[in-house]
């Protein structure tokens, strides 16, 4: 089995893209134990234990994980066999003591454990999906908010309160692992009963959504001005731009609301179309951004302050800088490696030199769309560093 396949699956899980990872594994339908166990983990994180256990219960080849097999045998109604396997595995140290105690409680049908999940302290760090699921099953569940984003899917199962579902959806949308429409559905599910914090964001997004559906330009303008700071506070500019950029661009806004809608449009997939529709009276910063969106030299069109803007101007200027050693690596046929190198560097801290060279490199490789969207997000979301 190629290492890159397992790496790809693990990266999808790390980013919270569990449905995508599951689709890859289900298409492969591999007998490899390591891939079957990854599918088991994904099923547990999605709250779909039935699907999770199907690859584990295949007899050949053995999955090689006693704890997973015990859990799945119990769910399949093979309680005596699971108990016997647990006794043997614990005696042979094939199951860690803490996990063995959790499994014993699970087999015994304990629903609530006083004080702690076991007599032993839990191991430090993030629990693996099975440990996390067993703790939930015996009444000692952990909140997902402090866990990696892949665990947030569990809060979308309908077993959690509305707030927990919204918080989980926001985390997953920020990571690009959930459709913004799913978040909007949660935002508009009911009226917010509390105030402040996340509830204020729910309230202003509901107002904006209602105003747009009613095609009320004045109400939309007021709602957008109120909503934008809340959207920024939640770092949800890009996903909400994908929802609202097009209708906002069609409703005829003016002043501050028009300026916000323009920036939202540049954060959407239709960024180039939005840039082509820039009004004649646009200011220097808007002209600068429009040039970037069209792949033109922004310094010839407008001006924008800041080191990142200067870096973008270099990358889209007449002589864009390139990463050191790029030509040599390409001459050696290392194209894929060079793409990954550039993308990894651009994913780090906002270093203007790295940004200029990375954007120049992407454009030289023909990745113009990625270069433009990266540049626009770097400029419009600069507050994140």
Protein backbone atom coordinates (compact mmCIF):
# COMPACT_ATOMS: atom_id res chain seq x y z
CA UNK A 1 0.00 0.00 0.00
CA UNK A 2 1.53 3.35 -1.02
CA UNK A 3 2.45 5.56 1.92
CA UNK A 4 0.92 8.59 0.21
CA UNK A 5 -2.54 6.99 0.34
CA UNK A 6 -2.43 6.57 4.09
CA UNK A 7 -0.97 10.07 4.42
CA UNK A 8 -3.80 11.46 2.31
CA UNK A 9 -6.42 9.74 4.47
CA UNK A 10 -4.79 10.96 7.68
CA UNK A 11 -4.61 14.53 6.37
CA UNK A 12 -8.29 14.48 5.43
CA UNK A 13 -9.11 13.27 8.94
CA UNK A 14 -6.87 15.94 10.46
CA UNK A 15 -8.70 18.65 8.47
CA UNK A 16 -12.07 17.27 9.55
CA UNK A 17 -12.97 16.12 6.02
CA UNK A 18 -14.36 12.82 7.26
CA UNK A 19 -16.94 12.31 4.52
CA UNK A 20 -14.24 12.72 1.87
CA UNK A 21 -11.90 10.32 3.66
CA UNK A 22 -14.71 7.79 4.05
CA UNK A 23 -15.56 8.07 0.35
CA UNK A 24 -11.96 7.28 -0.62
CA UNK A 25 -11.83 4.24 1.66
CA UNK A 26 -15.27 2.96 0.64
CA UNK A 27 -14.30 3.21 -3.02
CA UNK A 28 -11.11 1.26 -2.41
CA UNK A 29 -12.79 -1.33 -0.16
CA UNK A 30 -9.32 -2.52 0.79
CA UNK A 31 -8.58 -5.56 2.95
CA UNK A 32 -5.53 -3.81 4.43
CA UNK A 33 -5.98 -3.76 8.24
CA UNK A 34 -4.58 -0.23 8.61
CA UNK A 35 -7.13 1.17 6.13
CA UNK A 36 -9.98 -0.78 7.71
CA UNK A 37 -9.04 0.67 11.09
CA UNK A 38 -9.01 4.18 9.63
CA UNK A 39 -12.54 3.56 8.36
CA UNK A 40 -13.44 2.39 11.86
CA UNK A 41 -12.12 5.62 13.37
CA UNK A 42 -14.03 7.72 10.84
CA UNK A 43 -17.26 5.90 11.58
CA UNK A 44 -16.85 6.48 15.30
CA UNK A 45 -16.20 10.19 14.77
CA UNK A 46 -19.28 10.47 12.55
CA UNK A 47 -21.41 8.59 15.07
CA UNK A 48 -22.05 5.74 12.64
CA UNK A 49 -20.89 2.72 14.63
CA UNK A 50 -22.69 0.25 12.36
CA UNK A 51 -20.70 1.31 9.31
CA UNK A 52 -17.56 1.67 11.41
CA UNK A 53 -17.69 -1.94 12.54
CA UNK A 54 -18.28 -3.59 9.18
CA UNK A 55 -14.59 -3.60 8.10
CA UNK A 56 -13.45 -4.59 11.61
CA UNK A 57 -15.64 -7.69 11.71
CA UNK A 58 -14.22 -9.14 8.50
CA UNK A 59 -12.42 -12.31 9.54
CA UNK A 60 -9.72 -12.35 6.85
CA UNK A 61 -7.26 -10.92 7.16
CA UNK A 62 -7.54 -10.22 10.92
CA UNK A 63 -7.78 -6.53 11.68
CA UNK A 64 -5.13 -6.84 14.40
CA UNK A 65 -6.73 -4.49 16.93
CA UNK A 66 -8.28 -6.34 19.87
CA UNK A 67 -10.03 -3.28 21.34
CA UNK A 68 -11.78 -2.44 18.05
CA UNK A 69 -12.80 -6.07 17.60
CA UNK A 70 -14.19 -6.33 21.17
CA UNK A 71 -16.26 -3.16 20.70
CA UNK A 72 -17.66 -4.32 17.36
CA UNK A 73 -18.40 -7.86 18.55
CA UNK A 74 -20.38 -6.41 21.45
CA UNK A 75 -22.35 -4.15 19.12
CA UNK A 76 -23.08 -7.18 16.95
CA UNK A 77 -24.57 -8.97 19.98
CA UNK A 78 -21.60 -11.31 20.52
CA UNK A 79 -21.31 -10.35 24.18
CA UNK A 80 -19.79 -13.57 25.53
CA UNK A 81 -17.21 -13.76 22.76
CA UNK A 82 -16.31 -10.10 23.30
CA UNK A 83 -15.94 -10.62 27.05
CA UNK A 84 -13.71 -13.66 26.56
CA UNK A 85 -11.55 -11.78 24.07
CA UNK A 86 -11.24 -8.83 26.47
CA UNK A 87 -10.06 -11.12 29.28
CA UNK A 88 -7.48 -12.71 27.04
CA UNK A 89 -6.31 -9.45 25.48
CA UNK A 90 -5.98 -7.71 28.87
CA UNK A 91 -3.98 -10.63 30.27
CA UNK A 92 -1.65 -10.56 27.26
CA UNK A 93 -1.34 -6.72 27.37
CA UNK A 94 -2.88 -6.34 23.92
CA UNK A 95 -5.24 -3.67 25.28
CA UNK A 96 -4.04 -0.75 27.41
CA UNK A 97 -5.32 -0.94 31.02
CA UNK A 98 -7.40 2.26 30.82
CA UNK A 99 -9.06 1.17 27.59
CA UNK A 100 -9.61 -2.31 29.00
CA UNK A 101 -11.53 -0.85 31.95
CA UNK A 102 -13.65 1.26 29.62
CA UNK A 103 -14.44 -1.78 27.51
CA UNK A 104 -15.37 -3.75 30.63
CA UNK A 105 -17.80 -1.02 31.71
CA UNK A 106 -19.21 -0.98 28.18
CA UNK A 107 -19.71 -4.74 28.17
CA UNK A 108 -21.29 -4.61 31.63
CA UNK A 109 -23.81 -2.05 30.40
CA UNK A 110 -22.71 0.76 32.76
CA UNK A 111 -24.39 3.98 31.65
CA UNK A 112 -23.15 6.34 34.31
CA UNK A 113 -19.93 6.12 36.27
CA UNK A 114 -19.52 8.27 39.39
CA UNK A 115 -16.62 10.70 39.28
CA UNK A 116 -14.46 9.16 36.56
CA UNK A 117 -14.74 6.71 33.72
CA UNK A 118 -12.38 4.17 35.32
CA UNK A 119 -10.35 3.69 38.46
CA UNK A 120 -7.31 4.57 36.37
CA UNK A 121 -6.55 8.13 35.22
CA UNK A 122 -7.05 8.73 31.48
CA UNK A 123 -3.85 8.96 29.42
CA UNK A 124 -2.73 12.51 28.62
CA UNK A 125 -3.46 14.06 25.25
CA UNK A 126 -6.26 13.61 22.77
CA UNK A 127 -8.11 10.32 23.19
CA UNK A 128 -8.26 8.03 20.16
CA UNK A 129 -11.75 7.78 18.60
CA UNK A 130 -12.59 4.49 20.34
CA UNK A 131 -11.59 5.75 23.81
CA UNK A 132 -13.53 8.95 23.19
CA UNK A 133 -16.62 7.04 22.02
CA UNK A 134 -16.48 4.61 24.95
CA UNK A 135 -16.23 7.46 27.45
CA UNK A 136 -19.36 8.94 25.90
CA UNK A 137 -21.09 5.54 26.01
CA UNK A 138 -20.46 5.07 29.74
CA UNK A 139 -21.54 8.60 30.70
CA UNK A 140 -18.17 10.33 30.92
CA UNK A 141 -18.11 12.10 27.56
CA UNK A 142 -15.65 14.85 26.68
CA UNK A 143 -16.74 18.13 25.07
CA UNK A 144 -15.49 18.30 21.50
CA UNK A 145 -14.62 22.01 21.64
CA UNK A 146 -11.14 21.30 23.01
CA UNK A 147 -10.50 18.35 20.70
CA UNK A 148 -9.29 18.30 17.08
CA UNK A 149 -11.80 19.54 14.54
CA UNK A 150 -12.56 16.03 13.27
CA UNK A 151 -14.32 15.31 16.59
CA UNK A 152 -16.72 18.23 16.02
CA UNK A 153 -18.84 16.11 13.65
CA UNK A 154 -20.21 14.31 16.70
CA UNK A 155 -22.05 17.44 17.82
CA UNK A 156 -24.02 17.52 14.57
CA UNK A 157 -25.80 14.25 15.28
CA UNK A 158 -28.79 15.98 16.89
CA UNK A 159 -27.96 14.70 20.37
CA UNK A 160 -26.44 18.03 21.44
CA UNK A 161 -28.00 21.42 22.14
CA UNK A 162 -28.42 24.06 19.46
CA UNK A 163 -25.42 26.08 20.62
CA UNK A 164 -23.08 23.07 20.57
CA UNK A 165 -24.26 22.24 17.06
CA UNK A 166 -23.61 25.80 15.85
CA UNK A 167 -20.17 25.91 17.44
CA UNK A 168 -19.27 22.58 15.85
CA UNK A 169 -20.57 23.68 12.46
CA UNK A 170 -18.58 26.91 12.62
CA UNK A 171 -15.38 24.98 13.39
CA UNK A 172 -15.96 22.60 10.50
CA UNK A 173 -16.92 25.35 8.06
CA UNK A 174 -13.78 27.31 8.95
CA UNK A 175 -11.76 24.18 8.19
CA UNK A 176 -13.56 23.72 4.87
CA UNK A 177 -14.95 20.36 6.04
CA UNK A 178 -18.65 21.30 6.04
CA UNK A 179 -20.90 23.03 3.56
CA UNK A 180 -21.73 26.65 4.52
CA UNK A 181 -25.35 25.80 3.74
CA UNK A 182 -25.35 23.39 6.68
CA UNK A 183 -24.21 26.20 8.97
CA UNK A 184 -26.84 28.55 7.55
CA UNK A 185 -29.48 25.92 8.23
CA UNK A 186 -28.44 25.84 11.88
CA UNK A 187 -28.26 29.64 12.12
CA UNK A 188 -31.83 29.96 10.87
CA UNK A 189 -33.30 26.93 12.66
CA UNK A 190 -35.00 28.94 15.39
CA UNK A 191 -34.94 32.29 17.16
CA UNK A 192 -31.99 32.95 19.46
CA UNK A 193 -33.24 33.08 23.02
CA UNK A 194 -30.06 34.52 24.54
CA UNK A 195 -27.88 37.51 23.67
CA UNK A 196 -24.19 38.23 23.14
CA UNK A 197 -21.42 36.09 21.71
CA UNK A 198 -22.47 33.47 19.22
CA UNK A 199 -26.14 34.37 19.65
CA UNK A 200 -25.52 37.85 18.33
CA UNK A 201 -23.97 36.34 15.20
CA UNK A 202 -27.01 34.07 14.82
CA UNK A 203 -29.34 37.05 15.20
CA UNK A 204 -27.61 39.32 12.66
CA UNK A 205 -27.20 36.54 10.07
CA UNK A 206 -30.91 35.78 10.40
CA UNK A 207 -31.69 39.45 9.79
CA UNK A 208 -29.41 39.53 6.75
CA UNK A 209 -30.89 36.35 5.32
CA UNK A 210 -34.46 37.59 5.77
CA UNK A 211 -33.68 40.98 4.21
CA UNK A 212 -32.09 39.35 1.17
CA UNK A 213 -34.98 36.94 0.67
CA UNK A 214 -37.35 39.92 0.83
CA UNK A 215 -35.16 41.85 -1.67
CA UNK A 216 -35.24 44.82 0.73
CA UNK A 217 -32.17 46.93 -0.10
CA UNK A 218 -32.45 49.25 2.91
CA UNK A 219 -32.91 46.39 5.39
CA UNK A 220 -30.11 44.42 3.71
CA UNK A 221 -27.75 47.39 3.96
CA UNK A 222 -28.40 47.84 7.68
CA UNK A 223 -28.21 44.11 8.37
CA UNK A 224 -24.95 43.68 6.46
CA UNK A 225 -23.25 46.52 8.32
CA UNK A 226 -24.30 44.96 11.62
CA UNK A 227 -23.42 41.42 10.55
CA UNK A 228 -19.97 42.00 9.10
CA UNK A 229 -18.14 42.55 12.43
CA UNK A 230 -19.79 39.41 13.82
CA UNK A 231 -18.82 37.43 10.72
CA UNK A 232 -15.24 38.67 11.08
CA UNK A 233 -15.18 37.80 14.77
CA UNK A 234 -16.15 34.24 13.88
CA UNK A 235 -13.58 34.14 11.03
CA UNK A 236 -16.39 33.14 8.70
CA UNK A 237 -15.88 35.68 5.91
CA UNK A 238 -15.04 33.16 3.18
CA UNK A 239 -17.84 30.64 3.81
CA UNK A 240 -20.49 33.34 4.23
CA UNK A 241 -19.19 35.07 1.12
CA UNK A 242 -19.91 31.86 -0.78
CA UNK A 243 -23.52 32.11 0.43
CA UNK A 244 -24.23 35.80 0.10
CA UNK A 245 -21.80 37.43 -2.37
CA UNK A 246 -24.00 36.91 -5.42
CA UNK A 247 -27.32 38.14 -3.97
CA UNK A 248 -25.56 41.07 -2.29
CA UNK A 249 -24.07 42.08 -5.62
CA UNK A 250 -27.50 42.13 -7.25
CA UNK A 251 -29.47 44.19 -4.74
CA UNK A 252 -27.97 47.62 -5.42
CA UNK A 253 -26.23 48.59 -2.18
CA UNK A 254 -24.46 51.91 -1.61
CA UNK A 255 -21.91 53.40 0.79
CA UNK A 256 -20.46 51.22 3.54
CA UNK A 257 -22.68 48.27 2.72
CA UNK A 258 -21.53 48.31 -0.93
CA UNK A 259 -17.89 48.34 0.19
CA UNK A 260 -18.46 45.32 2.46
CA UNK A 261 -20.37 43.46 -0.27
CA UNK A 262 -17.53 44.16 -2.71
CA UNK A 263 -14.96 42.61 -0.37
CA UNK A 264 -17.22 39.64 0.24
CA UNK A 265 -17.49 39.21 -3.52
CA UNK A 266 -13.70 39.12 -3.83
CA UNK A 267 -13.62 36.33 -1.24
CA UNK A 268 -16.06 34.23 -3.29
CA UNK A 269 -15.44 31.98 -6.29
CA UNK A 270 -16.82 34.74 -8.53
CA UNK A 271 -14.02 37.13 -7.53
CA UNK A 272 -13.04 37.98 -11.12
CA UNK A 273 -16.60 38.77 -12.17
CA UNK A 274 -16.97 40.97 -9.08
CA UNK A 275 -13.74 42.80 -9.99
CA UNK A 276 -14.96 43.41 -13.55
CA UNK A 277 -18.08 45.08 -12.13
CA UNK A 278 -16.13 47.62 -10.06
CA UNK A 279 -17.88 51.01 -10.26
CA UNK A 280 -16.12 53.99 -11.81
CA UNK A 281 -15.92 55.85 -8.48
CA UNK A 282 -14.02 53.09 -6.64
CA UNK A 283 -11.22 54.17 -4.34
CA UNK A 284 -7.52 53.31 -4.77
CA UNK A 285 -7.69 50.26 -2.49
CA UNK A 286 -10.66 48.78 -4.33
CA UNK A 287 -8.89 49.32 -7.66
CA UNK A 288 -5.78 47.60 -6.25
CA UNK A 289 -7.85 44.58 -5.17
CA UNK A 290 -9.69 44.46 -8.50
CA UNK A 291 -6.38 44.31 -10.38
CA UNK A 292 -5.21 41.39 -8.24
CA UNK A 293 -8.49 39.59 -8.90
CA UNK A 294 -7.95 40.01 -12.65
CA UNK A 295 -4.28 39.04 -12.56
CA UNK A 296 -3.09 42.55 -13.48
CA UNK A 297 -0.36 44.72 -12.00
CA UNK A 298 -2.09 46.26 -8.95
CA UNK A 299 0.49 49.03 -8.55
CA UNK A 300 -0.60 50.42 -11.92
CA UNK A 301 -4.27 50.41 -10.93
CA UNK A 302 -4.42 51.63 -7.34
CA UNK A 303 -2.72 51.51 -3.96
CA UNK A 304 -3.01 49.63 -0.68
CA UNK A 305 -1.04 50.03 2.52
CA UNK A 306 0.86 47.34 4.37
CA UNK A 307 3.74 44.91 3.86
CA UNK A 308 1.47 42.17 2.55
CA UNK A 309 0.05 44.52 -0.08
CA UNK A 310 3.60 45.38 -1.16
CA UNK A 311 4.39 41.67 -1.41
CA UNK A 312 1.30 41.03 -3.53
CA UNK A 313 2.23 43.97 -5.78
CA UNK A 314 5.63 42.37 -6.39
CA UNK A 315 4.10 38.99 -7.19
CA UNK A 316 1.66 40.51 -9.70
CA UNK A 317 4.14 43.02 -11.08
CA UNK A 318 6.27 42.80 -14.24
CA UNK A 319 9.09 40.78 -12.60
CA UNK A 320 7.62 38.56 -9.87
CA UNK A 321 10.12 36.96 -7.50
CA UNK A 322 10.44 33.16 -7.44
CA UNK A 323 11.44 30.77 -4.64
CA UNK A 324 15.17 30.11 -4.46
CA UNK A 325 16.15 26.93 -6.31
CA UNK A 326 12.77 26.60 -8.04
CA UNK A 327 14.22 26.52 -11.56
CA UNK A 328 16.66 23.74 -10.63
CA UNK A 329 13.97 21.62 -9.01
CA UNK A 330 11.69 22.00 -12.01
CA UNK A 331 14.55 21.08 -14.36
CA UNK A 332 14.91 17.86 -12.38
CA UNK A 333 11.22 17.05 -12.94
CA UNK A 334 10.18 17.72 -9.34
CA UNK A 335 7.00 19.62 -10.24
CA UNK A 336 4.71 18.02 -7.65
CA UNK A 337 7.27 18.53 -4.90
CA UNK A 338 7.62 22.19 -5.85
CA UNK A 339 3.86 22.75 -5.73
CA UNK A 340 3.66 21.20 -2.27
CA UNK A 341 6.67 23.18 -1.07
CA UNK A 342 5.09 26.48 -2.12
CA UNK A 343 1.67 25.66 -0.67
CA UNK A 344 3.22 24.60 2.65
CA UNK A 345 5.19 27.84 2.87
CA UNK A 346 2.13 29.92 2.08
CA UNK A 347 0.22 28.11 4.82
CA UNK A 348 2.65 29.35 7.46
CA UNK A 349 2.94 32.75 9.20
CA UNK A 350 2.34 35.83 7.08
CA UNK A 351 5.91 36.58 5.96
CA UNK A 352 5.80 39.18 3.12
CA UNK A 353 8.91 37.77 1.39
CA UNK A 354 7.55 34.22 1.45
CA UNK A 355 4.18 35.48 0.24
CA UNK A 356 5.71 37.33 -2.72
CA UNK A 357 7.88 34.37 -3.76
CA UNK A 358 5.09 31.85 -3.18
CA UNK A 359 2.56 33.79 -5.25
CA UNK A 360 5.15 34.33 -7.96
CA UNK A 361 5.91 30.61 -7.94
CA UNK A 362 2.23 29.63 -8.20
CA UNK A 363 1.76 31.94 -11.17
CA UNK A 364 4.88 30.58 -12.86
CA UNK A 365 3.48 27.06 -12.44
CA UNK A 366 0.19 28.08 -14.06
CA UNK A 367 -1.80 27.98 -10.81
CA UNK A 368 -3.28 31.40 -11.44
CA UNK A 369 -6.62 30.87 -9.70
CA UNK A 370 -4.94 29.65 -6.51
CA UNK A 371 -2.48 32.55 -6.64
CA UNK A 372 -5.20 35.17 -7.02
CA UNK A 373 -7.45 33.74 -4.30
CA UNK A 374 -4.50 33.36 -1.93
CA UNK A 375 -3.46 36.96 -2.57
CA UNK A 376 -6.98 38.30 -2.03
CA UNK A 377 -7.46 36.34 1.19
CA UNK A 378 -4.05 37.48 2.44
CA UNK A 379 -5.08 41.11 1.89
CA UNK A 380 -8.68 40.96 3.02
CA UNK A 381 -8.08 38.69 6.02
CA UNK A 382 -4.80 40.32 7.04
CA UNK A 383 -5.98 40.72 10.66
CA UNK A 384 -5.27 36.97 11.16
CA UNK A 385 -1.57 37.53 10.63
